[in-house]
Amino acid sequence: MTLVILAAFGCVTLLLTQISDVLSRIPQIIRAWRQVRRELSGVPDAGSGDHLARGTSPGTLAVSQRDGDPALDERGMRRDEI
C-alpha cells in the first residue's frame, strides 16, 4: 500500500513538473508566433531594422541568435555547415 502511495505522489510530482515546464514556455511560443505572423505579413518589426541589417526583405523569415537556435550564426546558417 505504501508503495502505491509513493508511486502516486511521484506521478503527481512529474505531472506538475511537466505542466510548469509547458507554462514557462508559453511566452516564448507567443513571441515566436507573433514574429512568424509579422514576417509573413511583410510588416517590419517596429523600431528594429533587423531585416535591413541582414540584407533580407521584410517578408523573408530571418531568425536571430537571440530568438532562435544558438547553433545558428548571424546569417541564419548552422555553424556546423559553414
PDB file of N, CA and C in Angstrom:
ATOM      1  N   MET A   1       0.814  -1.193   0.000  1.00  0.00           N
ATOM      2  CA  MET A   1       0.000   0.000   0.000  1.00  0.00           C
ATOM      3  C   MET A   1       0.866   1.270   0.000  1.00  0.00           C
ATOM      4  N   THR A   2       1.921   1.238   0.807  1.00  0.00           N
ATOM      5  CA  THR A   2       2.819   2.394   0.884  1.00  0.00           C
ATOM      6  C   THR A   2       3.473   2.647  -0.462  1.00  0.00           C
ATOM      7  N   LEU A   3       3.826   1.592  -1.146  1.00  0.00           N
ATOM      8  CA  LEU A   3       4.462   1.716  -2.452  1.00  0.00           C
ATOM      9  C   LEU A   3       3.514   2.367  -3.467  1.00  0.00           C
ATOM     10  N   VAL A   4       2.242   2.046  -3.402  1.00  0.00           N
ATOM     11  CA  VAL A   4       1.244   2.640  -4.292  1.00  0.00           C
ATOM     12  C   VAL A   4       1.107   4.141  -4.009  1.00  0.00           C
ATOM     13  N   ILE A   5       1.106   4.512  -2.752  1.00  0.00           N
ATOM     14  CA  ILE A   5       1.005   5.925  -2.380  1.00  0.00           C
ATOM     15  C   ILE A   5       2.235   6.683  -2.867  1.00  0.00           C
ATOM     16  N   LEU A   6       3.423   6.113  -2.681  1.00  0.00           N
ATOM     17  CA  LEU A   6       4.649   6.756  -3.158  1.00  0.00           C
ATOM     18  C   LEU A   6       4.647   6.894  -4.679  1.00  0.00           C
ATOM     19  N   ALA A   7       4.189   5.868  -5.368  1.00  0.00           N
ATOM     20  CA  ALA A   7       4.121   5.928  -6.830  1.00  0.00           C
ATOM     21  C   ALA A   7       3.129   7.000  -7.282  1.00  0.00           C
ATOM     22  N   ALA A   8       2.008   7.110  -6.599  1.00  0.00           N
ATOM     23  CA  ALA A   8       1.009   8.128  -6.944  1.00  0.00           C
ATOM     24  C   ALA A   8       1.574   9.529  -6.738  1.00  0.00           C
ATOM     25  N   PHE A   9       2.264   9.757  -5.620  1.00  0.00           N
ATOM     26  CA  PHE A   9       2.884  11.061  -5.389  1.00  0.00           C
ATOM     27  C   PHE A   9       3.971  11.352  -6.415  1.00  0.00           C
ATOM     28  N   GLY A  10       4.705  10.334  -6.818  1.00  0.00           N
ATOM     29  CA  GLY A  10       5.716  10.514  -7.863  1.00  0.00           C
ATOM     30  C   GLY A  10       5.082  10.922  -9.181  1.00  0.00           C
ATOM     31  N   CYS A  11       3.980  10.291  -9.534  1.00  0.00           N
ATOM     32  CA  CYS A  11       3.272  10.639 -10.774  1.00  0.00           C
ATOM     33  C   CYS A  11       2.712  12.054 -10.717  1.00  0.00           C
ATOM     34  N   VAL A  12       2.160  12.434  -9.581  1.00  0.00           N
ATOM     35  CA  VAL A  12       1.624  13.788  -9.425  1.00  0.00           C
ATOM     36  C   VAL A  12       2.758  14.809  -9.531  1.00  0.00           C
ATOM     37  N   THR A  13       3.887  14.526  -8.907  1.00  0.00           N
ATOM     38  CA  THR A  13       5.035  15.435  -8.976  1.00  0.00           C
ATOM     39  C   THR A  13       5.529  15.568 -10.407  1.00  0.00           C
ATOM     40  N   LEU A  14       5.627  14.466 -11.114  1.00  0.00           N
ATOM     41  CA  LEU A  14       6.055  14.504 -12.509  1.00  0.00           C
ATOM     42  C   LEU A  14       5.075  15.305 -13.363  1.00  0.00           C
ATOM     43  N   LEU A  15       3.799  15.096 -13.152  1.00  0.00           N
ATOM     44  CA  LEU A  15       2.777  15.823 -13.894  1.00  0.00           C
ATOM     45  C   LEU A  15       2.865  17.331 -13.640  1.00  0.00           C
ATOM     46  N   LEU A  16       3.022  17.712 -12.379  1.00  0.00           N
ATOM     47  CA  LEU A  16       3.125  19.134 -12.043  1.00  0.00           C
ATOM     48  C   LEU A  16       4.396  19.752 -12.633  1.00  0.00           C
ATOM     49  N   THR A  17       5.479  18.999 -12.663  1.00  0.00           N
ATOM     50  CA  THR A  17       6.725  19.484 -13.262  1.00  0.00           C
ATOM     51  C   THR A  17       6.552  19.702 -14.751  1.00  0.00           C
ATOM     52  N   GLN A  18       5.897  18.780 -15.426  1.00  0.00           N
ATOM     53  CA  GLN A  18       5.670  18.913 -16.863  1.00  0.00           C
ATOM     54  C   GLN A  18       4.761  20.106 -17.166  1.00  0.00           C
ATOM     55  N   ILE A  19       3.726  20.294 -16.379  1.00  0.00           N
ATOM     56  CA  ILE A  19       2.818  21.431 -16.572  1.00  0.00           C
ATOM     57  C   ILE A  19       3.571  22.740 -16.367  1.00  0.00           C
ATOM     58  N   SER A  20       4.401  22.799 -15.342  1.00  0.00           N
ATOM     59  CA  SER A  20       5.194  24.002 -15.082  1.00  0.00           C
ATOM     60  C   SER A  20       6.129  24.305 -16.248  1.00  0.00           C
ATOM     61  N   ASP A  21       6.741  23.276 -16.812  1.00  0.00           N
ATOM     62  CA  ASP A  21       7.654  23.462 -17.947  1.00  0.00           C
ATOM     63  C   ASP A  21       6.908  24.010 -19.162  1.00  0.00           C
ATOM     64  N   VAL A  22       5.747  23.461 -19.449  1.00  0.00           N
ATOM     65  CA  VAL A  22       4.958  23.925 -20.593  1.00  0.00           C
ATOM     66  C   VAL A  22       4.500  25.365 -20.376  1.00  0.00           C
ATOM     67  N   LEU A  23       4.041  25.678 -19.178  1.00  0.00           N
ATOM     68  CA  LEU A  23       3.585  27.039 -18.892  1.00  0.00           C
ATOM     69  C   LEU A  23       4.718  28.051 -18.963  1.00  0.00           C
ATOM     70  N   SER A  24       5.923  27.644 -18.612  1.00  0.00           N
ATOM     71  CA  SER A  24       7.055  28.572 -18.669  1.00  0.00           C
ATOM     72  C   SER A  24       7.470  28.870 -20.110  1.00  0.00           C
ATOM     73  N   ARG A  25       7.123  27.994 -21.034  1.00  0.00           N
ATOM     74  CA  ARG A  25       7.489  28.199 -22.437  1.00  0.00           C
ATOM     75  C   ARG A  25       6.439  28.979 -23.228  1.00  0.00           C
ATOM     76  N   ILE A  26       5.278  29.206 -22.676  1.00  0.00           N
ATOM     77  CA  ILE A  26       4.204  29.877 -23.407  1.00  0.00           C
ATOM     78  C   ILE A  26       4.593  31.271 -23.888  1.00  0.00           C
ATOM     79  N   PRO A  27       5.218  32.129 -23.069  1.00  0.00           N
ATOM     80  CA  PRO A  27       5.601  33.456 -23.587  1.00  0.00           C
ATOM     81  C   PRO A  27       6.549  33.380 -24.792  1.00  0.00           C
ATOM     82  N   GLN A  28       7.498  32.457 -24.753  1.00  0.00           N
ATOM     83  CA  GLN A  28       8.428  32.285 -25.871  1.00  0.00           C
ATOM     84  C   GLN A  28       7.683  31.821 -27.127  1.00  0.00           C
ATOM     85  N   ILE A  29       6.741  30.934 -26.969  1.00  0.00           N
ATOM     86  CA  ILE A  29       5.954  30.440 -28.099  1.00  0.00           C
ATOM     87  C   ILE A  29       5.105  31.566 -28.686  1.00  0.00           C
ATOM     88  N   ILE A  30       4.512  32.390 -27.817  1.00  0.00           N
ATOM     89  CA  ILE A  30       3.695  33.503 -28.294  1.00  0.00           C
ATOM     90  C   ILE A  30       4.551  34.502 -29.062  1.00  0.00           C
ATOM     91  N   ARG A  31       5.752  34.831 -28.544  1.00  0.00           N
ATOM     92  CA  ARG A  31       6.651  35.754 -29.256  1.00  0.00           C
ATOM     93  C   ARG A  31       7.046  35.194 -30.612  1.00  0.00           C
ATOM     94  N   ALA A  32       7.368  33.905 -30.652  1.00  0.00           N
ATOM     95  CA  ALA A  32       7.761  33.283 -31.920  1.00  0.00           C
ATOM     96  C   ALA A  32       6.599  33.298 -32.908  1.00  0.00           C
ATOM     97  N   TRP A  33       5.389  33.012 -32.436  1.00  0.00           N
ATOM     98  CA  TRP A  33       4.216  33.014 -33.306  1.00  0.00           C
ATOM     99  C   TRP A  33       3.954  34.410 -33.865  1.00  0.00           C
ATOM    100  N   ARG A  34       4.074  35.430 -33.000  1.00  0.00           N
ATOM    101  CA  ARG A  34       3.881  36.804 -33.468  1.00  0.00           C
ATOM    102  C   ARG A  34       4.942  37.189 -34.491  1.00  0.00           C
ATOM    103  N   GLN A  35       6.176  36.745 -34.275  1.00  0.00           N
ATOM    104  CA  GLN A  35       7.245  37.057 -35.222  1.00  0.00           C
ATOM    105  C   GLN A  35       6.970  36.388 -36.568  1.00  0.00           C
ATOM    106  N   VAL A  36       6.523  35.148 -36.541  1.00  0.00           N
ATOM    107  CA  VAL A  36       6.211  34.449 -37.791  1.00  0.00           C
ATOM    108  C   VAL A  36       5.088  35.171 -38.525  1.00  0.00           C
ATOM    109  N   ARG A  37       4.041  35.540 -37.815  1.00  0.00           N
ATOM    110  CA  ARG A  37       2.926  36.263 -38.452  1.00  0.00           C
ATOM    111  C   ARG A  37       3.390  37.595 -39.025  1.00  0.00           C
ATOM    112  N   ARG A  38       4.229  38.311 -38.258  1.00  0.00           N
ATOM    113  CA  ARG A  38       4.733  39.606 -38.701  1.00  0.00           C
ATOM    114  C   ARG A  38       5.616  39.443 -39.938  1.00  0.00           C
ATOM    115  N   GLU A  39       6.482  38.441 -39.940  1.00  0.00           N
ATOM    116  CA  GLU A  39       7.368  38.211 -41.085  1.00  0.00           C
ATOM    117  C   GLU A  39       6.575  37.799 -42.325  1.00  0.00           C
ATOM    118  N   LEU A  40       5.565  36.955 -42.137  1.00  0.00           N
ATOM    119  CA  LEU A  40       4.771  36.510 -43.281  1.00  0.00           C
ATOM    120  C   LEU A  40       3.891  37.622 -43.844  1.00  0.00           C
ATOM    121  N   SER A  41       3.458  38.541 -42.985  1.00  0.00           N
ATOM    122  CA  SER A  41       2.630  39.637 -43.480  1.00  0.00           C
ATOM    123  C   SER A  41       3.463  40.734 -44.126  1.00  0.00           C
ATOM    124  N   GLY A  42       4.769  40.716 -43.923  1.00  0.00           N
ATOM    125  CA  GLY A  42       5.648  41.693 -44.548  1.00  0.00           C
ATOM    126  C   GLY A  42       5.774  42.983 -43.778  1.00  0.00           C
ATOM    127  N   VAL A  43       5.248  43.032 -42.558  1.00  0.00           N
ATOM    128  CA  VAL A  43       5.352  44.230 -41.737  1.00  0.00           C
ATOM    129  C   VAL A  43       6.641  44.138 -40.935  1.00  0.00           C
ATOM    130  N   PRO A  44       7.553  45.115 -41.092  1.00  0.00           N
ATOM    131  CA  PRO A  44       8.798  45.056 -40.335  1.00  0.00           C
ATOM    132  C   PRO A  44       8.555  45.266 -38.853  1.00  0.00           C
ATOM    133  N   ASP A  45       9.437  44.739 -38.044  1.00  0.00           N
ATOM    134  CA  ASP A  45       9.355  44.874 -36.600  1.00  0.00           C
ATOM    135  C   ASP A  45       9.491  46.344 -36.221  1.00  0.00           C
ATOM    136  N   ALA A  46       8.614  46.837 -35.392  1.00  0.00           N
ATOM    137  CA  ALA A  46       8.626  48.258 -35.018  1.00  0.00           C
ATOM    138  C   ALA A  46       9.926  48.604 -34.319  1.00  0.00           C
ATOM    139  N   GLY A  47      10.648  49.564 -34.872  1.00  0.00           N
ATOM    140  CA  GLY A  47      11.879  50.030 -34.262  1.00  0.00           C
ATOM    141  C   GLY A  47      13.080  49.151 -34.501  1.00  0.00           C
ATOM    142  N   SER A  48      12.928  48.077 -35.196  1.00  0.00           N
ATOM    143  CA  SER A  48      14.048  47.181 -35.437  1.00  0.00           C
ATOM    144  C   SER A  48      14.349  47.125 -36.922  1.00  0.00           C
ATOM    145  N   GLY A  49      15.582  47.412 -37.267  1.00  0.00           N
ATOM    146  CA  GLY A  49      16.000  47.297 -38.659  1.00  0.00           C
ATOM    147  C   GLY A  49      16.621  45.942 -38.912  1.00  0.00           C
ATOM    148  N   ASP A  50      16.111  44.921 -38.235  1.00  0.00           N
ATOM    149  CA  ASP A  50      16.693  43.585 -38.301  1.00  0.00           C
ATOM    150  C   ASP A  50      16.796  43.076 -39.727  1.00  0.00           C
ATOM    151  N   HIS A  51      15.734  43.255 -40.527  1.00  0.00           N
ATOM    152  CA  HIS A  51      15.767  42.744 -41.890  1.00  0.00           C
ATOM    153  C   HIS A  51      16.724  43.561 -42.756  1.00  0.00           C
ATOM    154  N   LEU A  52      16.940  44.836 -42.407  1.00  0.00           N
ATOM    155  CA  LEU A  52      17.864  45.660 -43.176  1.00  0.00           C
ATOM    156  C   LEU A  52      19.306  45.270 -42.888  1.00  0.00           C
ATOM    157  N   ALA A  53      19.584  44.940 -41.640  1.00  0.00           N
ATOM    158  CA  ALA A  53      20.950  44.576 -41.265  1.00  0.00           C
ATOM    159  C   ALA A  53      21.366  43.258 -41.889  1.00  0.00           C
ATOM    160  N   ARG A  54      20.413  42.407 -42.173  1.00  0.00           N
ATOM    161  CA  ARG A  54      20.734  41.103 -42.732  1.00  0.00           C
ATOM    162  C   ARG A  54      20.671  41.079 -44.242  1.00  0.00           C
ATOM    163  N   GLY A  55      20.155  42.125 -44.831  1.00  0.00           N
ATOM    164  CA  GLY A  55      20.027  42.138 -46.281  1.00  0.00           C
ATOM    165  C   GLY A  55      18.875  41.298 -46.780  1.00  0.00           C
ATOM    166  N   THR A  56      17.872  41.090 -45.938  1.00  0.00           N
ATOM    167  CA  THR A  56      16.703  40.317 -46.338  1.00  0.00           C
ATOM    168  C   THR A  56      15.513  41.253 -46.454  1.00  0.00           C
ATOM    169  N   SER A  57      14.543  40.842 -47.203  1.00  0.00           N
ATOM    170  CA  SER A  57      13.329  41.637 -47.309  1.00  0.00           C
ATOM    171  C   SER A  57      12.471  41.387 -46.080  1.00  0.00           C
ATOM    172  N   PRO A  58      11.547  42.285 -45.770  1.00  0.00           N
ATOM    173  CA  PRO A  58      10.718  42.098 -44.578  1.00  0.00           C
ATOM    174  C   PRO A  58       9.894  40.818 -44.622  1.00  0.00           C
ATOM    175  N   GLY A  59       9.572  40.318 -45.794  1.00  0.00           N
ATOM    176  CA  GLY A  59       8.775  39.103 -45.896  1.00  0.00           C
ATOM    177  C   GLY A  59       9.577  37.822 -45.743  1.00  0.00           C
ATOM    178  N   THR A  60      10.887  37.928 -45.676  1.00  0.00           N
ATOM    179  CA  THR A  60      11.741  36.753 -45.545  1.00  0.00           C
ATOM    180  C   THR A  60      11.944  36.440 -44.079  1.00  0.00           C
ATOM    181  N   LEU A  61      11.745  35.186 -43.718  1.00  0.00           N
ATOM    182  CA  LEU A  61      11.961  34.788 -42.338  1.00  0.00           C
ATOM    183  C   LEU A  61      13.442  34.841 -42.020  1.00  0.00           C
ATOM    184  N   ALA A  62      13.779  35.529 -40.959  1.00  0.00           N
ATOM    185  CA  ALA A  62      15.161  35.618 -40.514  1.00  0.00           C
ATOM    186  C   ALA A  62      15.177  35.386 -39.012  1.00  0.00           C
ATOM    187  N   VAL A  63      15.885  34.378 -38.572  1.00  0.00           N
ATOM    188  CA  VAL A  63      15.953  34.049 -37.160  1.00  0.00           C
ATOM    189  C   VAL A  63      17.280  34.551 -36.623  1.00  0.00           C
ATOM    190  N   SER A  64      17.209  35.341 -35.578  1.00  0.00           N
ATOM    191  CA  SER A  64      18.440  35.847 -34.990  1.00  0.00           C
ATOM    192  C   SER A  64      18.899  34.904 -33.896  1.00  0.00           C
ATOM    193  N   GLN A  65      20.142  35.063 -33.470  1.00  0.00           N
ATOM    194  CA  GLN A  65      20.673  34.220 -32.410  1.00  0.00           C
ATOM    195  C   GLN A  65      19.900  34.417 -31.120  1.00  0.00           C
ATOM    196  N   ARG A  66      19.462  35.649 -30.859  1.00  0.00           N
ATOM    197  CA  ARG A  66      18.784  35.898 -29.594  1.00  0.00           C
ATOM    198  C   ARG A  66      17.402  35.259 -29.562  1.00  0.00           C
ATOM    199  N   ASP A  67      16.779  35.051 -30.720  1.00  0.00           N
ATOM    200  CA  ASP A  67      15.433  34.484 -30.754  1.00  0.00           C
ATOM    201  C   ASP A  67      15.415  33.010 -31.123  1.00  0.00           C
ATOM    202  N   GLY A  68      16.442  32.556 -31.786  1.00  0.00           N
ATOM    203  CA  GLY A  68      16.369  31.213 -32.352  1.00  0.00           C
ATOM    204  C   GLY A  68      17.382  30.251 -31.780  1.00  0.00           C
ATOM    205  N   ASP A  69      17.803  29.381 -32.619  1.00  0.00           N
ATOM    206  CA  ASP A  69      18.717  28.319 -32.261  1.00  0.00           C
ATOM    207  C   ASP A  69      20.118  28.893 -32.027  1.00  0.00           C
ATOM    208  N   PRO A  70      20.739  28.610 -30.875  1.00  0.00           N
ATOM    209  CA  PRO A  70      22.086  29.137 -30.641  1.00  0.00           C
ATOM    210  C   PRO A  70      23.124  28.537 -31.582  1.00  0.00           C
ATOM    211  N   ALA A  71      22.757  27.490 -32.307  1.00  0.00           N
ATOM    212  CA  ALA A  71      23.686  26.890 -33.253  1.00  0.00           C
ATOM    213  C   ALA A  71      23.696  27.628 -34.587  1.00  0.00           C
ATOM    214  N   LEU A  72      22.864  28.683 -34.719  1.00  0.00           N
ATOM    215  CA  LEU A  72      22.813  29.461 -35.949  1.00  0.00           C
ATOM    216  C   LEU A  72      23.724  30.670 -35.840  1.00  0.00           C
ATOM    217  N   ASP A  73      24.382  31.017 -36.924  1.00  0.00           N
ATOM    218  CA  ASP A  73      25.196  32.228 -36.923  1.00  0.00           C
ATOM    219  C   ASP A  73      24.341  33.424 -37.304  1.00  0.00           C
ATOM    220  N   GLU A  74      24.971  34.605 -37.472  1.00  0.00           N
ATOM    221  CA  GLU A  74      24.218  35.818 -37.758  1.00  0.00           C
ATOM    222  C   GLU A  74      23.534  35.810 -39.093  1.00  0.00           C
ATOM    223  N   ARG A  75      23.930  34.916 -40.019  1.00  0.00           N
ATOM    224  CA  ARG A  75      23.272  34.813 -41.318  1.00  0.00           C
ATOM    225  C   ARG A  75      22.152  33.793 -41.305  1.00  0.00           C
ATOM    226  N   GLY A  76      21.959  33.130 -40.165  1.00  0.00           N
ATOM    227  CA  GLY A  76      20.914  32.126 -40.059  1.00  0.00           C
ATOM    228  C   GLY A  76      21.352  30.746 -40.527  1.00  0.00           C
ATOM    229  N   MET A  77      22.658  30.577 -40.770  1.00  0.00           N
ATOM    230  CA  MET A  77      23.174  29.280 -41.214  1.00  0.00           C
ATOM    231  C   MET A  77      23.665  28.503 -39.993  1.00  0.00           C
ATOM    232  N   ARG A  78      23.538  27.209 -40.052  1.00  0.00           N
ATOM    233  CA  ARG A  78      24.027  26.383 -38.960  1.00  0.00           C
ATOM    234  C   ARG A  78      25.547  26.472 -38.896  1.00  0.00           C
ATOM    235  N   ARG A  79      26.075  26.569 -37.708  1.00  0.00           N
ATOM    236  CA  ARG A  79      27.516  26.725 -37.524  1.00  0.00           C
ATOM    237  C   ARG A  79      28.293  25.532 -38.065  1.00  0.00           C
ATOM    238  N   ASP A  80      27.707  24.347 -38.009  1.00  0.00           N
ATOM    239  CA  ASP A  80      28.425  23.170 -38.497  1.00  0.00           C
ATOM    240  C   ASP A  80      28.397  23.062 -40.016  1.00  0.00           C
ATOM    241  N   GLU A  81      27.609  23.904 -40.715  1.00  0.00           N
ATOM    242  CA  GLU A  81      27.545  23.882 -42.177  1.00  0.00           C
ATOM    243  C   GLU A  81      28.479  24.904 -42.808  1.00  0.00           C
ATOM    244  N   ILE A  82      29.052  25.755 -42.004  1.00  0.00           N
ATOM    245  CA  ILE A  82      29.882  26.845 -42.540  1.00  0.00           C
ATOM    246  C   ILE A  82      31.225  26.321 -42.973  1.00  0.00           C
TER     247      ILE A  82
END
